[in-house]
Amino acid sequence: MEDPELVKILVVDDRADNLLSIESILERESYTIVKANSGKAALKILLKEFDFSLILMDVQMPDMNGFETASLIYQRDRLKDIPIIFITAHSHEEEAIFKGYRLGAVDFIYKPVNPELLRVKVGLFVELYRKTQSLIAQEQKLLTANASLQREIKEKEASERKVLELNDQLLQNNRHLQAVNTELDRFAYIASHDLQEPLRKIRVFSDMILQKKNGELDVEKYVMKITSATIRMQQLVSDLLRFSRHSIGGGDFINADLNQIVREAVNELEIKIQQVNASIRIDPLPSISVIPTLMRQVFYNLISNAIKFRKKEMPPDIHIYAELVNPLEQRYQPVKTGGNYYKIFVKDNGIGFESQYAEDIFIVFKRLHSYHEIEGTGIGLSICKKIIEQHNGFITATSEIDNGATFIIGIPEKQILSAYE
């Protein structure tokens, strides 16, 4: 990973105490903080320095506000890829928020600034900026390599065999670039989508505490829920970064209770479950060798999907259960380890889908045409598939229109960890 001391962040605010506060919050991360007390001062700095990983900018500033400054910044090609997080005291002015996003803002932070939330968001977008720059560098290398290959092809037109070899290399390079793009898209989706649930819980429980009347509220209970959601965010950020780099090792697997993992996923979806009055039945599940945070992500996505694709006229009914399978049974594809494995079922009573699409739903960005009224990007199940495959297992689904869907996870009873070590 890049040395954090090489990460430069530009902080723009007309108040010296705000600049000092943000610098203090980020101090332990060893970032290089450059401060500007106005939009004009920020533009002057950016005339000479281009290597900022992130810009934190106050919206309300005299002479030139944050939106005007951002517009001028993004007019320059060398600056247009630097993410900007706006800091504002007005959390409910939707028109201003939309304006910020149209200008290219990646996020908003509201005053008074929550130090831990600021650190998490800054760390996340700094890492995303690193990956973007890495992808740009890789793309440039591939373009240079492709240009070199084309020159060689022209120079060796007399050799048909050589031309075919060079063309094959060019195709491999292009496939690699597409794979890198897909990985970046997958990482960006998880970061922007799955982190929203703990953020939403923090916001909801914070509002409940702020709006309490006559002390009629168990404040400690909701503070604990906020703390739990914050810890969950930290775990997600750490594990998503490792997951995106494919750096899974044998040491990441531990013997974990799937009952606890499912309960944690259900707890993350507590608000959604209450909103739709969903019923979730969990039969006893085994304890097996898994990567807990990634398996929690699988159950989170499957339960979230069951809620999303519910029937309008009835509340969701979700049943989760498991059975041990002998490898001689060939009804489902066997796991890679070849030994006994568990089939874990997540069954719902939702709108279902046509059985012919049972494989398509696990393809990244693939969405069924009959689901056009339901929001989503079509990447959640592809993430589940990748996680399960990294557990030497498989995932499939059965369904009928208007008759619910059942997702089946196959996972080894025992992992062969030597493959990772």
Protein backbone atom coordinates (compact mmCIF):
# COMPACT_ATOMS: atom_id res chain seq x y z
CA MET A 1 0.00 0.00 0.00
CA GLU A 2 1.10 3.58 -0.63
CA ASP A 3 2.80 5.30 2.31
CA PRO A 4 0.07 7.37 4.11
CA GLU A 5 2.58 10.23 4.49
CA LEU A 6 2.45 10.64 0.72
CA VAL A 7 -1.32 11.21 0.83
CA LYS A 8 -2.09 14.93 0.48
CA ILE A 9 -5.46 16.38 1.42
CA LEU A 10 -6.53 19.96 0.67
CA VAL A 11 -8.86 21.44 3.32
CA VAL A 12 -10.71 24.62 2.33
CA ASP A 13 -12.60 26.67 4.96
CA ASP A 14 -12.75 30.39 5.70
CA ARG A 15 -12.63 29.77 9.46
CA ALA A 16 -9.26 29.02 11.04
CA ASP A 17 -10.84 27.04 13.92
CA ASN A 18 -12.56 24.68 11.44
CA LEU A 19 -9.27 24.13 9.58
CA LEU A 20 -7.51 23.35 12.85
CA SER A 21 -10.31 21.00 13.96
CA ILE A 22 -10.22 18.95 10.75
CA GLU A 23 -6.41 18.84 10.84
CA SER A 24 -6.56 17.54 14.41
CA ILE A 25 -9.12 14.85 13.55
CA LEU A 26 -6.99 13.53 10.67
CA GLU A 27 -3.67 13.99 12.46
CA ARG A 28 -3.29 10.37 13.59
CA GLU A 29 -3.64 9.11 10.01
CA SER A 30 -0.34 10.81 9.04
CA TYR A 31 -1.85 12.55 6.04
CA THR A 32 -0.20 15.68 4.66
CA ILE A 33 -2.79 18.41 5.24
CA VAL A 34 -2.66 21.58 3.10
CA LYS A 35 -4.98 24.37 4.28
CA ALA A 36 -6.66 27.16 2.33
CA ASN A 37 -8.83 29.87 3.92
CA SER A 38 -10.83 30.70 0.77
CA GLY A 39 -11.79 29.39 -2.65
CA LYS A 40 -9.29 31.73 -4.30
CA ALA A 41 -6.51 30.51 -2.01
CA ALA A 42 -7.38 26.92 -2.90
CA LEU A 43 -7.23 27.68 -6.64
CA LYS A 44 -3.87 29.38 -6.16
CA ILE A 45 -2.48 26.28 -4.43
CA LEU A 46 -3.87 24.02 -7.18
CA LEU A 47 -2.05 26.05 -9.84
CA LYS A 48 1.21 24.60 -8.53
CA GLU A 49 0.21 21.35 -6.83
CA PHE A 50 -1.78 18.56 -8.48
CA ASP A 51 -1.05 15.52 -6.33
CA PHE A 52 -3.96 15.77 -3.88
CA SER A 53 -5.81 12.56 -3.06
CA LEU A 54 -8.90 14.38 -1.70
CA ILE A 55 -10.35 17.87 -1.19
CA LEU A 56 -12.49 18.70 1.88
CA MET A 57 -14.33 21.97 1.18
CA ASP A 58 -16.75 24.10 3.16
CA VAL A 59 -19.83 25.11 1.14
CA GLN A 60 -20.53 28.49 2.76
CA MET A 61 -17.56 30.82 2.19
CA PRO A 62 -17.49 34.56 1.41
CA ASP A 63 -16.63 35.87 -2.09
CA MET A 64 -16.54 32.40 -3.68
CA ASN A 65 -18.52 29.51 -2.16
CA GLY A 66 -17.58 25.84 -2.27
CA PHE A 67 -19.73 25.01 -5.29
CA GLU A 68 -18.22 27.85 -7.36
CA THR A 69 -14.72 26.80 -6.35
CA ALA A 70 -15.40 23.15 -7.26
CA SER A 71 -16.73 24.20 -10.67
CA LEU A 72 -13.48 26.06 -11.43
CA ILE A 73 -11.35 23.19 -10.13
CA TYR A 74 -13.04 20.62 -12.35
CA GLN A 75 -12.53 22.77 -15.44
CA ARG A 76 -8.88 21.72 -15.39
CA ASP A 77 -8.10 18.27 -16.77
CA ARG A 78 -5.30 17.66 -14.29
CA LEU A 79 -7.67 18.23 -11.36
CA LYS A 80 -10.95 16.65 -12.53
CA ASP A 81 -10.20 13.24 -10.96
CA ILE A 82 -9.60 14.57 -7.43
CA PRO A 83 -12.67 13.66 -5.29
CA ILE A 84 -14.33 16.50 -3.36
CA ILE A 85 -16.26 16.06 -0.11
CA PHE A 86 -18.37 19.12 0.78
CA ILE A 87 -18.77 20.12 4.43
CA THR A 88 -22.04 21.88 5.20
CA ALA A 89 -24.22 22.79 8.15
CA HIS A 90 -27.41 22.41 6.07
CA SER A 91 -28.31 18.73 5.87
CA HIS A 92 -31.82 19.12 4.45
CA GLU A 93 -31.33 21.46 1.47
CA GLU A 94 -31.85 18.90 -1.27
CA GLU A 95 -31.41 21.41 -4.10
CA ALA A 96 -27.96 22.34 -2.79
CA ILE A 97 -27.03 18.68 -2.36
CA PHE A 98 -28.12 17.87 -5.92
CA LYS A 99 -26.11 20.83 -7.16
CA GLY A 100 -23.04 19.51 -5.36
CA TYR A 101 -23.39 16.06 -6.86
CA ARG A 102 -23.90 17.52 -10.34
CA LEU A 103 -20.63 19.39 -9.94
CA GLY A 104 -18.86 16.12 -9.20
CA ALA A 105 -18.91 15.88 -5.39
CA VAL A 106 -18.44 12.36 -4.06
CA ASP A 107 -20.09 12.96 -0.69
CA PHE A 108 -21.29 15.44 1.96
CA ILE A 109 -20.34 15.71 5.64
CA TYR A 110 -22.58 17.70 7.94
CA LYS A 111 -21.60 19.99 10.77
CA PRO A 112 -20.92 19.47 13.59
CA VAL A 113 -18.39 17.05 12.13
CA ASN A 114 -18.37 13.52 13.58
CA PRO A 115 -14.61 12.77 13.93
CA GLU A 116 -14.88 9.00 13.43
CA LEU A 117 -17.21 9.37 10.45
CA LEU A 118 -14.84 11.92 8.90
CA ARG A 119 -11.88 9.55 9.32
CA VAL A 120 -13.79 6.62 7.81
CA LYS A 121 -15.02 8.62 4.82
CA VAL A 122 -11.66 10.23 4.16
CA GLY A 123 -9.91 6.86 4.39
CA LEU A 124 -12.43 5.29 2.04
CA PHE A 125 -12.22 7.96 -0.66
CA VAL A 126 -8.44 8.19 -0.38
CA GLU A 127 -8.31 4.45 -1.08
CA LEU A 128 -10.76 4.80 -3.98
CA TYR A 129 -8.61 7.61 -5.40
CA ARG A 130 -5.54 5.38 -5.13
CA LYS A 131 -7.31 2.62 -7.03
CA THR A 132 -8.49 5.07 -9.69
CA GLN A 133 -4.96 6.35 -10.19
CA SER A 134 -3.65 2.79 -10.30
CA LEU A 135 -6.22 1.89 -12.93
CA ILE A 136 -5.33 4.97 -14.99
CA ALA A 137 -1.66 4.03 -14.79
CA GLN A 138 -2.43 0.44 -15.79
CA GLU A 139 -4.55 1.66 -18.67
CA GLN A 140 -1.74 3.91 -19.87
CA LYS A 141 0.71 1.02 -19.67
CA LEU A 142 -1.68 -1.17 -21.63
CA LEU A 143 -2.19 1.53 -24.26
CA THR A 144 1.57 1.90 -24.57
CA ALA A 145 1.98 -1.86 -24.80
CA ASN A 146 -0.79 -2.08 -27.40
CA ALA A 147 0.84 0.65 -29.47
CA SER A 148 4.11 -1.24 -29.30
CA LEU A 149 2.38 -4.43 -30.39
CA GLN A 150 0.79 -2.67 -33.34
CA ARG A 151 4.19 -1.38 -34.47
CA GLU A 152 5.61 -4.87 -34.28
CA ILE A 153 2.71 -6.21 -36.32
CA LYS A 154 3.38 -3.67 -39.08
CA GLU A 155 7.11 -4.43 -39.03
CA LYS A 156 6.55 -8.20 -39.31
CA GLU A 157 3.69 -8.42 -41.77
CA ALA A 158 5.62 -11.09 -43.64
CA SER A 159 5.29 -13.46 -40.69
CA GLU A 160 1.65 -14.53 -40.35
CA ARG A 161 2.42 -16.60 -37.30
CA LYS A 162 3.98 -13.66 -35.50
CA VAL A 163 1.05 -11.44 -36.36
CA LEU A 164 -1.37 -13.96 -34.84
CA GLU A 165 0.72 -14.21 -31.66
CA LEU A 166 0.79 -10.44 -31.26
CA ASN A 167 -2.95 -10.16 -31.84
CA ASP A 168 -3.54 -12.82 -29.20
CA GLN A 169 -1.38 -10.85 -26.75
CA LEU A 170 -3.36 -7.72 -27.53
CA LEU A 171 -6.64 -9.52 -26.78
CA GLN A 172 -5.24 -10.80 -23.48
CA ASN A 173 -4.24 -7.27 -22.51
CA ASN A 174 -7.73 -5.98 -23.31
CA ARG A 175 -9.36 -8.77 -21.28
CA HIS A 176 -7.08 -7.92 -18.36
CA LEU A 177 -8.10 -4.25 -18.56
CA GLN A 178 -11.78 -5.23 -18.58
CA ALA A 179 -11.21 -7.45 -15.53
CA VAL A 180 -9.50 -4.58 -13.69
CA ASN A 181 -12.42 -2.27 -14.54
CA THR A 182 -14.93 -4.85 -13.31
CA GLU A 183 -13.06 -5.27 -10.03
CA LEU A 184 -12.97 -1.52 -9.48
CA ASP A 185 -16.71 -1.24 -10.21
CA ARG A 186 -17.43 -4.08 -7.78
CA PHE A 187 -15.34 -2.47 -5.04
CA ALA A 188 -16.92 0.97 -5.62
CA TYR A 189 -20.39 -0.58 -5.42
CA ILE A 190 -19.72 -2.30 -2.10
CA ALA A 191 -18.16 0.81 -0.68
CA SER A 192 -21.00 3.10 -1.74
CA HIS A 193 -23.94 0.71 -1.26
CA ASP A 194 -23.27 -1.76 1.54
CA LEU A 195 -21.75 0.89 3.80
CA GLN A 196 -25.02 2.83 3.59
CA GLU A 197 -26.83 0.45 5.96
CA PRO A 198 -24.64 1.09 9.05
CA LEU A 199 -24.58 4.79 8.12
CA ARG A 200 -28.37 4.78 7.95
CA LYS A 201 -28.57 3.15 11.37
CA ILE A 202 -26.20 5.71 12.86
CA ARG A 203 -28.36 8.50 11.41
CA VAL A 204 -31.67 6.99 12.58
CA PHE A 205 -30.53 6.23 16.12
CA SER A 206 -28.80 9.60 16.41
CA ASP A 207 -32.03 11.34 15.38
CA MET A 208 -33.96 9.30 17.98
CA ILE A 209 -31.57 10.43 20.69
CA LEU A 210 -31.70 14.06 19.56
CA GLN A 211 -35.50 14.04 19.42
CA LYS A 212 -36.09 12.34 22.79
CA LYS A 213 -38.71 13.97 25.01
CA ASN A 214 -38.64 14.20 28.81
CA GLY A 215 -35.93 11.59 28.96
CA GLU A 216 -38.35 8.87 27.77
CA LEU A 217 -35.69 6.97 25.87
CA ASP A 218 -33.03 4.42 26.71
CA VAL A 219 -30.14 6.55 25.44
CA GLU A 220 -27.51 4.00 26.40
CA LYS A 221 -29.25 1.34 24.28
CA TYR A 222 -29.16 3.51 21.15
CA VAL A 223 -25.61 4.71 21.78
CA MET A 224 -24.58 1.04 21.87
CA LYS A 225 -26.40 0.46 18.57
CA ILE A 226 -24.57 3.43 17.04
CA THR A 227 -21.25 2.10 18.35
CA SER A 228 -22.03 -1.34 16.91
CA ALA A 229 -22.83 0.17 13.50
CA THR A 230 -19.59 2.16 13.58
CA ILE A 231 -17.55 -0.96 14.36
CA ARG A 232 -19.38 -2.75 11.55
CA MET A 233 -18.38 0.03 9.14
CA GLN A 234 -14.75 -0.24 10.18
CA GLN A 235 -14.80 -4.01 9.65
CA LEU A 236 -16.43 -3.60 6.26
CA VAL A 237 -13.87 -1.05 5.08
CA SER A 238 -10.96 -3.24 6.19
CA ASP A 239 -12.33 -6.45 4.72
CA LEU A 240 -13.53 -4.87 1.49
CA LEU A 241 -10.04 -3.50 0.86
CA ARG A 242 -8.52 -6.94 1.41
CA PHE A 243 -11.27 -8.58 -0.66
CA SER A 244 -10.69 -6.20 -3.58
CA ARG A 245 -7.00 -7.12 -3.64
CA HIS A 246 -7.73 -10.90 -3.63
CA SER A 247 -5.37 -11.26 -0.65
CA ILE A 248 -7.30 -14.02 1.10
CA GLY A 249 -5.10 -16.44 3.04
CA GLY A 250 -5.58 -19.51 5.19
CA GLY A 251 -5.31 -17.37 8.29
CA ASP A 252 -8.50 -15.52 7.31
CA PHE A 253 -10.60 -18.69 7.79
CA ILE A 254 -11.87 -19.43 11.28
CA ASN A 255 -14.40 -21.88 12.66
CA ALA A 256 -17.49 -19.68 12.98
CA ASP A 257 -21.11 -20.18 14.02
CA LEU A 258 -23.30 -19.44 11.01
CA ASN A 259 -26.23 -18.79 13.36
CA GLN A 260 -24.35 -15.82 14.80
CA ILE A 261 -23.27 -14.60 11.36
CA VAL A 262 -26.87 -14.68 10.08
CA ARG A 263 -28.11 -12.89 13.21
CA GLU A 264 -25.53 -10.15 12.63
CA ALA A 265 -26.70 -9.76 9.02
CA VAL A 266 -30.32 -9.59 10.20
CA ASN A 267 -29.36 -6.98 12.80
CA GLU A 268 -27.77 -4.84 10.07
CA LEU A 269 -31.09 -4.95 8.20
CA GLU A 270 -33.15 -4.26 11.32
CA ILE A 271 -34.69 -1.04 10.02
CA LYS A 272 -35.68 -2.48 6.61
CA ILE A 273 -37.12 -5.59 8.25
CA GLN A 274 -39.29 -3.50 10.56
CA GLN A 275 -40.43 -1.25 7.71
CA VAL A 276 -41.88 -4.16 5.68
CA ASN A 277 -42.86 -6.32 8.68
CA ALA A 278 -40.68 -9.18 7.41
CA SER A 279 -40.62 -12.55 9.14
CA ILE A 280 -37.26 -14.36 9.24
CA ARG A 281 -37.10 -17.98 10.44
CA ILE A 282 -33.64 -19.37 11.10
CA ASP A 283 -33.29 -23.12 11.71
CA PRO A 284 -30.14 -24.34 13.48
CA LEU A 285 -27.11 -23.78 11.25
CA PRO A 286 -23.67 -25.43 11.50
CA SER A 287 -20.35 -24.04 12.68
CA ILE A 288 -17.85 -24.31 9.80
CA SER A 289 -14.58 -22.79 8.61
CA VAL A 290 -15.33 -19.47 6.86
CA ILE A 291 -14.25 -15.85 6.61
CA PRO A 292 -16.97 -14.38 8.88
CA THR A 293 -17.14 -10.83 7.52
CA LEU A 294 -17.44 -12.04 3.92
CA MET A 295 -20.05 -14.69 4.78
CA ARG A 296 -22.01 -12.01 6.66
CA GLN A 297 -21.96 -10.03 3.39
CA VAL A 298 -23.46 -13.04 1.54
CA PHE A 299 -26.37 -13.42 3.97
CA TYR A 300 -26.84 -9.64 4.09
CA ASN A 301 -27.23 -9.51 0.28
CA LEU A 302 -29.51 -12.56 0.08
CA ILE A 303 -31.83 -11.36 2.86
CA SER A 304 -31.80 -7.83 1.45
CA ASN A 305 -32.76 -9.23 -1.98
CA ALA A 306 -35.61 -11.24 -0.47
CA ILE A 307 -36.96 -8.03 1.08
CA LYS A 308 -36.43 -6.00 -2.09
CA PHE A 309 -38.17 -8.51 -4.38
CA ARG A 310 -41.18 -9.04 -2.10
CA LYS A 311 -44.82 -9.15 -3.17
CA LYS A 312 -46.66 -5.91 -2.58
CA GLU A 313 -49.70 -7.59 -1.04
CA MET A 314 -47.92 -9.60 1.68
CA PRO A 315 -44.98 -9.18 4.06
CA PRO A 316 -41.78 -11.12 3.27
CA ASP A 317 -41.41 -14.56 4.82
CA ILE A 318 -37.78 -15.73 4.73
CA HIS A 319 -36.69 -19.20 5.84
CA ILE A 320 -32.99 -20.07 6.33
CA TYR A 321 -31.97 -23.68 6.96
CA ALA A 322 -29.19 -26.17 6.18
CA GLU A 323 -28.52 -29.83 5.51
CA LEU A 324 -25.35 -31.93 5.35
CA VAL A 325 -24.69 -33.53 1.94
CA ASN A 326 -22.61 -36.55 1.00
CA PRO A 327 -20.34 -35.86 -2.03
CA LEU A 328 -21.89 -38.84 -3.85
CA GLU A 329 -25.12 -36.85 -4.22
CA GLN A 330 -25.00 -35.16 -7.64
CA ARG A 331 -28.18 -33.14 -7.56
CA TYR A 332 -26.11 -29.99 -7.15
CA GLN A 333 -22.56 -29.38 -8.28
CA PRO A 334 -20.07 -30.64 -5.67
CA VAL A 335 -17.76 -28.28 -3.81
CA LYS A 336 -14.10 -28.10 -4.82
CA THR A 337 -12.76 -29.94 -1.76
CA GLY A 338 -14.58 -33.13 -2.75
CA GLY A 339 -15.66 -33.97 0.82
CA ASN A 340 -18.93 -33.56 2.69
CA TYR A 341 -20.51 -30.17 2.37
CA TYR A 342 -23.45 -28.19 3.66
CA LYS A 343 -26.27 -26.85 1.56
CA ILE A 344 -27.64 -23.67 3.11
CA PHE A 345 -31.02 -22.53 1.83
CA VAL A 346 -32.41 -18.99 1.84
CA LYS A 347 -36.05 -19.30 0.80
CA ASP A 348 -38.54 -16.45 0.34
CA ASN A 349 -42.15 -15.90 -0.73
CA GLY A 350 -41.40 -13.02 -3.11
CA ILE A 351 -42.11 -12.33 -6.77
CA GLY A 352 -39.60 -14.94 -7.98
CA PHE A 353 -38.14 -15.15 -11.47
CA GLU A 354 -38.26 -17.42 -14.51
CA SER A 355 -36.09 -20.52 -14.06
CA GLN A 356 -34.28 -19.86 -17.35
CA TYR A 357 -32.54 -16.91 -15.66
CA ALA A 358 -31.11 -18.96 -12.76
CA GLU A 359 -27.54 -18.52 -14.06
CA ASP A 360 -27.89 -14.98 -15.43
CA ILE A 361 -28.70 -13.45 -12.04
CA PHE A 362 -25.13 -14.16 -10.84
CA ILE A 363 -23.50 -12.28 -13.74
CA VAL A 364 -22.16 -8.86 -12.78
CA PHE A 365 -24.53 -6.00 -13.74
CA LYS A 366 -27.03 -8.52 -15.20
CA ARG A 367 -30.61 -7.65 -14.29
CA LEU A 368 -33.79 -9.46 -15.28
CA HIS A 369 -36.09 -7.49 -17.58
CA SER A 370 -39.06 -8.30 -15.34
CA TYR A 371 -37.35 -6.48 -12.43
CA HIS A 372 -37.22 -3.07 -14.13
CA GLU A 373 -39.41 -1.43 -11.48
CA ILE A 374 -37.07 -2.36 -8.64
CA GLU A 375 -33.96 -0.33 -7.90
CA GLY A 376 -30.51 -1.91 -7.93
CA THR A 377 -27.43 -2.34 -10.09
CA GLY A 378 -27.36 -6.11 -10.54
CA ILE A 379 -24.04 -6.68 -8.79
CA GLY A 380 -25.00 -7.99 -5.34
CA LEU A 381 -25.44 -11.64 -6.37
CA SER A 382 -22.22 -11.62 -8.39
CA ILE A 383 -20.43 -10.56 -5.21
CA CYS A 384 -22.09 -13.46 -3.35
CA LYS A 385 -20.91 -15.84 -6.07
CA LYS A 386 -17.33 -14.61 -5.85
CA ILE A 387 -17.25 -14.88 -2.05
CA ILE A 388 -18.66 -18.42 -2.07
CA GLU A 389 -16.22 -19.52 -4.77
CA GLN A 390 -13.37 -18.20 -2.61
CA HIS A 391 -14.76 -20.53 0.06
CA ASN A 392 -14.41 -23.44 -2.43
CA GLY A 393 -18.18 -23.62 -2.71
CA PHE A 394 -20.98 -22.76 -5.11
CA ILE A 395 -24.24 -20.81 -5.15
CA THR A 396 -27.30 -21.43 -7.29
CA ALA A 397 -31.02 -20.63 -7.24
CA THR A 398 -34.42 -22.10 -8.09
CA SER A 399 -37.59 -20.11 -8.61
CA GLU A 400 -40.91 -19.65 -10.37
CA ILE A 401 -42.70 -16.41 -11.21
CA ASP A 402 -44.94 -15.31 -8.28
CA ASN A 403 -43.85 -18.32 -6.24
CA GLY A 404 -40.77 -17.08 -4.41
CA ALA A 405 -37.12 -17.99 -4.84
CA THR A 406 -34.70 -20.32 -3.05
CA PHE A 407 -30.97 -19.61 -3.05
CA ILE A 408 -28.75 -22.60 -2.30
CA ILE A 409 -25.20 -22.16 -0.99
CA GLY A 410 -22.87 -25.17 -1.09
CA ILE A 411 -19.90 -24.84 1.26
CA PRO A 412 -17.38 -27.47 2.46
CA GLU A 413 -17.78 -28.98 5.91
CA LYS A 414 -13.98 -28.63 6.17
CA GLN A 415 -11.74 -26.25 4.24
CA ILE A 416 -8.42 -27.39 2.77
CA LEU A 417 -6.45 -24.38 3.98
CA SER A 418 -3.10 -25.44 2.47
CA ALA A 419 -4.33 -24.04 -0.84
CA TYR A 420 -4.24 -20.57 0.72
CA GLU A 421 -1.05 -20.80 2.72
